[in-house]
């Protein structure tokens, strides 16, 4: 027969002691413990580090295809449009008490851009979106919390461009299953993104967000961080459902495919024109040398 434990009068069950002055934090830079210039230098350093994989990726692509990295007017217009749509949509959602918002597919325009325009260009737009998010009621307690709560999660959006659209995918048929299979590169990138973002938020919750309650067991802190930050998975799932509808649209698929084809032809014509100009320059130089002789 199992023996039931008996609590003495001076014993109590383990519990979480909430700070007496605890209240929902007001979002902003008021709780930042570091000097502003430290945050600025830290941000610039992170952006410089982010630029390294973009440069390496561009060099590798150039060696494989012979095409230099170009950010054309078309790329800029598409990027600005997707960036503005995501930023406006990020204001619409369900805000949580200790930070974080479940939006209605606000990341979808950015991820679509990364998928169709590739990792390097997607990284530029993702960094711009990351900086915009720092203007939207940010809550930062240190440079490291800024790194885990903002810089890494939003830059991870560029991971969708790792397996980018290559222009060889068949037109959509209106089937969500077809979109899931034909655009599998998009969904693999989205899976990488959510894993990075979720892990980053969990680390932030363990290292920084336990300051809102008193001493607690490490198991509780980890479990609470896992549970609370699951909001980003819900946000991601909404974007996945919306993307299935969007990438299954025959009209959208044809429009993006034609835009991709035109952009590819324009880049190729520009490269050919540059080669032709160099050849003409060499011909003129040779003629001038002969006349001089």
Protein backbone atom coordinates (compact mmCIF):
# COMPACT_ATOMS: atom_id res chain seq x y z
CA UNK A 1 0.00 0.00 0.00
CA UNK A 2 1.54 3.31 -1.02
CA UNK A 3 2.38 5.73 1.76
CA UNK A 4 0.92 9.23 1.26
CA UNK A 5 3.22 12.09 2.27
CA UNK A 6 2.02 14.19 5.21
CA UNK A 7 2.66 17.95 5.23
CA UNK A 8 3.59 19.47 8.56
CA UNK A 9 2.18 22.83 9.63
CA UNK A 10 5.40 24.69 8.79
CA UNK A 11 5.70 23.12 5.34
CA UNK A 12 4.15 24.49 2.17
CA UNK A 13 3.91 23.41 -1.43
CA UNK A 14 6.40 24.87 -3.95
CA UNK A 15 5.02 28.02 -5.51
CA UNK A 16 6.02 31.03 -7.54
CA UNK A 17 6.36 34.25 -5.59
CA UNK A 18 5.26 37.20 -7.69
CA UNK A 19 6.97 40.49 -7.04
CA UNK A 20 4.71 42.88 -5.02
CA UNK A 21 5.08 45.69 -7.55
CA UNK A 22 4.65 43.45 -10.57
CA UNK A 23 2.51 44.83 -13.36
CA UNK A 24 2.32 44.55 -17.10
CA UNK A 25 5.41 46.32 -18.46
CA UNK A 26 5.09 49.43 -20.55
CA UNK A 27 6.83 48.75 -23.80
CA UNK A 28 9.64 51.05 -24.81
CA UNK A 29 13.27 51.76 -24.10
CA UNK A 30 12.64 52.84 -20.51
CA UNK A 31 13.93 49.56 -19.06
CA UNK A 32 17.11 49.47 -21.10
CA UNK A 33 20.05 49.11 -18.74
CA UNK A 34 22.71 49.90 -21.35
CA UNK A 35 23.65 53.27 -22.79
CA UNK A 36 21.96 54.16 -26.12
CA UNK A 37 25.29 54.32 -27.95
CA UNK A 38 26.04 50.76 -26.81
CA UNK A 39 22.80 49.57 -28.42
CA UNK A 40 23.59 51.47 -31.62
CA UNK A 41 27.08 50.00 -31.87
CA UNK A 42 25.72 46.55 -31.05
CA UNK A 43 23.07 46.89 -33.77
CA UNK A 44 25.62 48.05 -36.35
CA UNK A 45 27.90 45.17 -35.42
CA UNK A 46 25.11 42.63 -35.86
CA UNK A 47 24.17 44.10 -39.25
CA UNK A 48 27.81 43.88 -40.32
CA UNK A 49 27.92 40.24 -39.25
CA UNK A 50 24.67 39.57 -41.11
CA UNK A 51 26.22 41.04 -44.27
CA UNK A 52 28.95 38.36 -44.26
CA UNK A 53 26.74 35.38 -45.26
CA UNK A 54 24.98 37.56 -47.84
CA UNK A 55 28.31 38.43 -49.47
CA UNK A 56 29.49 34.82 -49.35
CA UNK A 57 26.19 33.65 -50.88
CA UNK A 58 26.49 36.22 -53.68
CA UNK A 59 30.07 35.15 -54.46
CA UNK A 60 29.11 31.47 -54.59
CA UNK A 61 26.15 32.23 -56.87
CA UNK A 62 28.39 34.30 -59.14
CA UNK A 63 30.89 31.45 -59.46
CA UNK A 64 28.11 28.99 -60.26
CA UNK A 65 26.07 31.02 -62.74
CA UNK A 66 28.37 33.88 -63.71
CA UNK A 67 25.75 36.46 -62.70
CA UNK A 68 26.68 39.35 -60.47
CA UNK A 69 24.46 40.44 -57.61
CA UNK A 70 22.15 43.24 -58.78
CA UNK A 71 19.39 45.06 -56.93
CA UNK A 72 17.33 46.48 -59.78
CA UNK A 73 14.44 48.95 -59.71
CA UNK A 74 12.00 46.06 -60.08
CA UNK A 75 13.54 44.31 -57.08
CA UNK A 76 13.35 47.53 -55.07
CA UNK A 77 9.69 48.16 -55.94
CA UNK A 78 8.65 44.61 -55.07
CA UNK A 79 10.68 44.75 -51.86
CA UNK A 80 9.20 48.11 -50.78
CA UNK A 81 5.68 46.87 -51.48
CA UNK A 82 6.11 43.63 -49.51
CA UNK A 83 7.89 45.47 -46.69
CA UNK A 84 5.13 48.06 -46.31
CA UNK A 85 2.42 45.38 -46.40
CA UNK A 86 4.09 43.32 -43.68
CA UNK A 87 4.70 46.36 -41.50
CA UNK A 88 1.08 47.54 -41.70
CA UNK A 89 -0.24 44.02 -41.09
CA UNK A 90 2.00 43.65 -38.03
CA UNK A 91 -0.13 46.25 -36.22
CA UNK A 92 -3.22 44.04 -36.60
CA UNK A 93 -3.32 41.12 -34.21
CA UNK A 94 -3.67 39.89 -30.65
CA UNK A 95 -1.06 41.39 -28.33
CA UNK A 96 0.18 39.43 -25.33
CA UNK A 97 0.80 40.88 -21.87
CA UNK A 98 4.56 40.33 -21.76
CA UNK A 99 5.29 41.03 -25.39
CA UNK A 100 4.67 39.29 -28.65
CA UNK A 101 1.74 39.51 -31.04
CA UNK A 102 -0.23 36.89 -32.92
CA UNK A 103 -0.79 38.61 -36.25
CA UNK A 104 -2.86 37.61 -39.24
CA UNK A 105 -0.06 36.48 -41.58
CA UNK A 106 1.99 39.68 -41.32
CA UNK A 107 5.16 37.81 -42.28
CA UNK A 108 3.62 36.44 -45.48
CA UNK A 109 4.60 39.31 -47.86
CA UNK A 110 8.22 39.28 -46.65
CA UNK A 111 8.53 35.50 -46.99
CA UNK A 112 6.97 35.56 -50.46
CA UNK A 113 9.55 38.15 -51.50
CA UNK A 114 12.40 36.08 -50.07
CA UNK A 115 11.12 33.00 -51.90
CA UNK A 116 10.82 34.60 -55.33
CA UNK A 117 13.83 36.94 -55.18
CA UNK A 118 16.34 34.76 -53.36
CA UNK A 119 18.30 34.78 -50.15
CA UNK A 120 20.59 37.78 -50.76
CA UNK A 121 17.81 40.21 -51.69
CA UNK A 122 15.52 38.69 -49.09
CA UNK A 123 18.17 39.31 -46.43
CA UNK A 124 18.22 43.03 -47.29
CA UNK A 125 14.44 43.31 -46.97
CA UNK A 126 14.46 41.21 -43.78
CA UNK A 127 17.00 43.55 -42.17
CA UNK A 128 14.84 46.54 -43.14
CA UNK A 129 11.80 44.83 -41.58
CA UNK A 130 13.84 44.06 -38.46
CA UNK A 131 14.72 47.76 -38.07
CA UNK A 132 11.09 48.76 -38.55
CA UNK A 133 10.04 46.36 -35.80
CA UNK A 134 12.37 48.20 -33.40
CA UNK A 135 10.15 51.27 -33.89
CA UNK A 136 6.95 49.40 -33.04
CA UNK A 137 6.70 49.53 -29.24
CA UNK A 138 9.97 47.67 -28.59
CA UNK A 139 10.85 46.21 -25.23
CA UNK A 140 14.59 45.79 -24.64
CA UNK A 141 16.38 45.15 -21.36
CA UNK A 142 19.89 44.71 -22.81
CA UNK A 143 21.66 44.37 -26.15
CA UNK A 144 21.48 40.60 -25.80
CA UNK A 145 17.72 40.63 -25.31
CA UNK A 146 17.46 42.80 -28.44
CA UNK A 147 19.49 40.19 -30.30
CA UNK A 148 17.27 37.30 -29.19
CA UNK A 149 13.90 39.07 -29.38
CA UNK A 150 14.30 41.13 -32.55
CA UNK A 151 17.47 40.71 -34.59
CA UNK A 152 17.68 36.93 -34.92
CA UNK A 153 13.92 36.19 -35.23
CA UNK A 154 13.24 38.74 -37.96
CA UNK A 155 16.43 38.13 -39.90
CA UNK A 156 15.52 34.43 -39.91
CA UNK A 157 12.80 35.34 -42.43
CA UNK A 158 15.52 35.42 -45.08
CA UNK A 159 15.93 31.64 -44.63
CA UNK A 160 12.91 31.23 -46.92
CA UNK A 161 15.12 32.45 -49.77
CA UNK A 162 17.64 29.62 -49.35
CA UNK A 163 15.44 27.35 -51.45
CA UNK A 164 14.15 30.09 -53.71
CA UNK A 165 11.91 29.95 -56.76
CA UNK A 166 13.80 28.92 -59.91
CA UNK A 167 11.18 29.67 -62.57
CA UNK A 168 10.83 26.02 -63.58
CA UNK A 169 7.79 25.21 -61.46
CA UNK A 170 4.62 24.30 -63.35
CA UNK A 171 1.66 26.72 -63.16
CA UNK A 172 -0.70 26.33 -60.21
CA UNK A 173 -3.78 24.14 -60.52
CA UNK A 174 -5.81 25.65 -57.70
CA UNK A 175 -5.00 22.75 -55.38
CA UNK A 176 -3.49 23.45 -51.96
CA UNK A 177 -1.82 20.04 -52.07
CA UNK A 178 -0.19 20.98 -55.36
CA UNK A 179 1.15 24.23 -53.84
CA UNK A 180 2.58 22.31 -50.90
CA UNK A 181 4.45 19.95 -53.24
CA UNK A 182 5.48 22.25 -56.08
CA UNK A 183 6.58 25.10 -53.81
CA UNK A 184 8.16 22.80 -51.23
CA UNK A 185 11.23 25.05 -51.12
CA UNK A 186 9.10 27.79 -49.61
CA UNK A 187 7.77 25.54 -46.86
CA UNK A 188 11.20 24.08 -46.05
CA UNK A 189 12.45 27.65 -45.63
CA UNK A 190 9.45 28.52 -43.47
CA UNK A 191 10.20 25.52 -41.24
CA UNK A 192 13.81 26.68 -40.80
CA UNK A 193 12.55 30.17 -39.97
CA UNK A 194 10.11 29.13 -37.25
CA UNK A 195 12.65 26.81 -35.59
CA UNK A 196 15.21 29.64 -35.39
CA UNK A 197 12.67 32.16 -34.15
CA UNK A 198 11.13 29.84 -31.54
CA UNK A 199 14.54 28.83 -30.18
CA UNK A 200 15.65 32.47 -30.00
CA UNK A 201 12.53 33.55 -28.09
CA UNK A 202 12.87 30.62 -25.69
CA UNK A 203 16.46 31.59 -24.88
CA UNK A 204 15.36 35.17 -24.28
CA UNK A 205 12.60 34.01 -21.95
CA UNK A 206 15.00 31.89 -19.93
CA UNK A 207 17.75 34.51 -19.69
CA UNK A 208 15.83 37.78 -19.33
CA UNK A 209 12.08 37.45 -18.81
CA UNK A 210 12.27 35.68 -15.45
CA UNK A 211 12.85 39.11 -13.89
CA UNK A 212 9.05 39.57 -13.74
CA UNK A 213 8.57 37.03 -10.98
CA UNK A 214 10.49 35.98 -7.91
CA UNK A 215 12.89 33.06 -7.54
CA UNK A 216 11.56 29.96 -9.30
CA UNK A 217 12.75 26.50 -10.22
CA UNK A 218 14.73 26.29 -13.45
CA UNK A 219 12.28 23.69 -14.77
CA UNK A 220 9.43 26.16 -14.35
CA UNK A 221 11.34 28.94 -16.13
CA UNK A 222 12.13 26.69 -19.10
CA UNK A 223 8.60 25.28 -19.29
CA UNK A 224 7.03 28.73 -19.03
CA UNK A 225 9.30 30.05 -21.80
CA UNK A 226 8.40 27.14 -24.06
CA UNK A 227 4.68 27.64 -23.45
CA UNK A 228 4.56 31.43 -23.63
CA UNK A 229 6.66 31.77 -26.78
CA UNK A 230 4.55 29.24 -28.63
CA UNK A 231 2.64 32.30 -29.85
CA UNK A 232 5.19 32.54 -32.69
CA UNK A 233 4.20 29.04 -33.85
CA UNK A 234 0.55 30.14 -34.01
CA UNK A 235 1.60 33.23 -35.95
CA UNK A 236 3.62 31.02 -38.30
CA UNK A 237 0.76 28.54 -38.77
CA UNK A 238 -1.61 31.34 -39.83
CA UNK A 239 0.95 32.46 -42.42
CA UNK A 240 1.29 28.87 -43.68
CA UNK A 241 -2.47 28.55 -44.21
CA UNK A 242 -2.58 31.89 -46.01
CA UNK A 243 0.37 30.90 -48.21
CA UNK A 244 -1.38 27.70 -49.27
CA UNK A 245 -4.29 29.75 -50.55
CA UNK A 246 -1.98 32.30 -52.21
CA UNK A 247 0.42 29.89 -53.92
CA UNK A 248 -2.52 27.80 -55.11
CA UNK A 249 -3.99 30.80 -56.92
CA UNK A 250 -3.59 30.42 -60.67
CA UNK A 251 -3.63 34.20 -61.21
CA UNK A 252 -0.99 34.88 -58.55
CA UNK A 253 1.20 32.05 -59.76
CA UNK A 254 1.12 33.29 -63.36
CA UNK A 255 1.79 36.87 -62.30
CA UNK A 256 4.83 35.98 -60.18
CA UNK A 257 6.14 33.57 -62.82
CA UNK A 258 5.89 36.23 -65.54
CA UNK A 259 7.55 38.80 -63.26
CA UNK A 260 10.34 36.37 -62.50
CA UNK A 261 10.82 35.62 -66.22
CA UNK A 262 10.90 39.30 -67.20
CA UNK A 263 13.38 40.06 -64.40
CA UNK A 264 15.60 37.20 -65.52
CA UNK A 265 15.53 38.31 -69.15
CA UNK A 266 16.27 41.92 -68.19
CA UNK A 267 19.30 40.87 -66.15
CA UNK A 268 20.55 38.69 -69.01
CA UNK A 269 20.12 41.50 -71.56
CA UNK A 270 21.99 43.87 -69.26
CA UNK A 271 24.86 41.39 -68.97
CA UNK A 272 24.96 40.86 -72.75
CA UNK A 273 24.89 44.62 -73.34
CA UNK A 274 27.83 45.04 -70.97
CA UNK A 275 29.80 42.37 -72.81
CA UNK A 276 28.96 43.98 -76.15
CA UNK A 277 30.08 47.38 -74.90
CA UNK A 278 33.37 45.99 -73.73
CA UNK A 279 33.90 44.30 -77.11
CA UNK A 280 33.14 47.56 -78.94
CA UNK A 281 35.58 49.38 -76.73
CA UNK A 282 38.32 46.90 -77.56
CA UNK A 283 37.57 47.24 -81.29
CA UNK A 284 37.76 51.03 -81.15
CA UNK A 285 41.02 50.85 -79.23
CA UNK A 286 42.54 48.52 -81.78
CA UNK A 287 41.43 50.78 -84.68
CA UNK A 288 42.84 53.84 -82.98
CA UNK A 289 46.16 52.07 -82.47
CA UNK A 290 46.36 51.14 -86.14
CA UNK A 291 45.60 54.73 -87.23
CA UNK A 292 48.25 56.02 -84.88
CA UNK A 293 50.79 53.65 -86.38
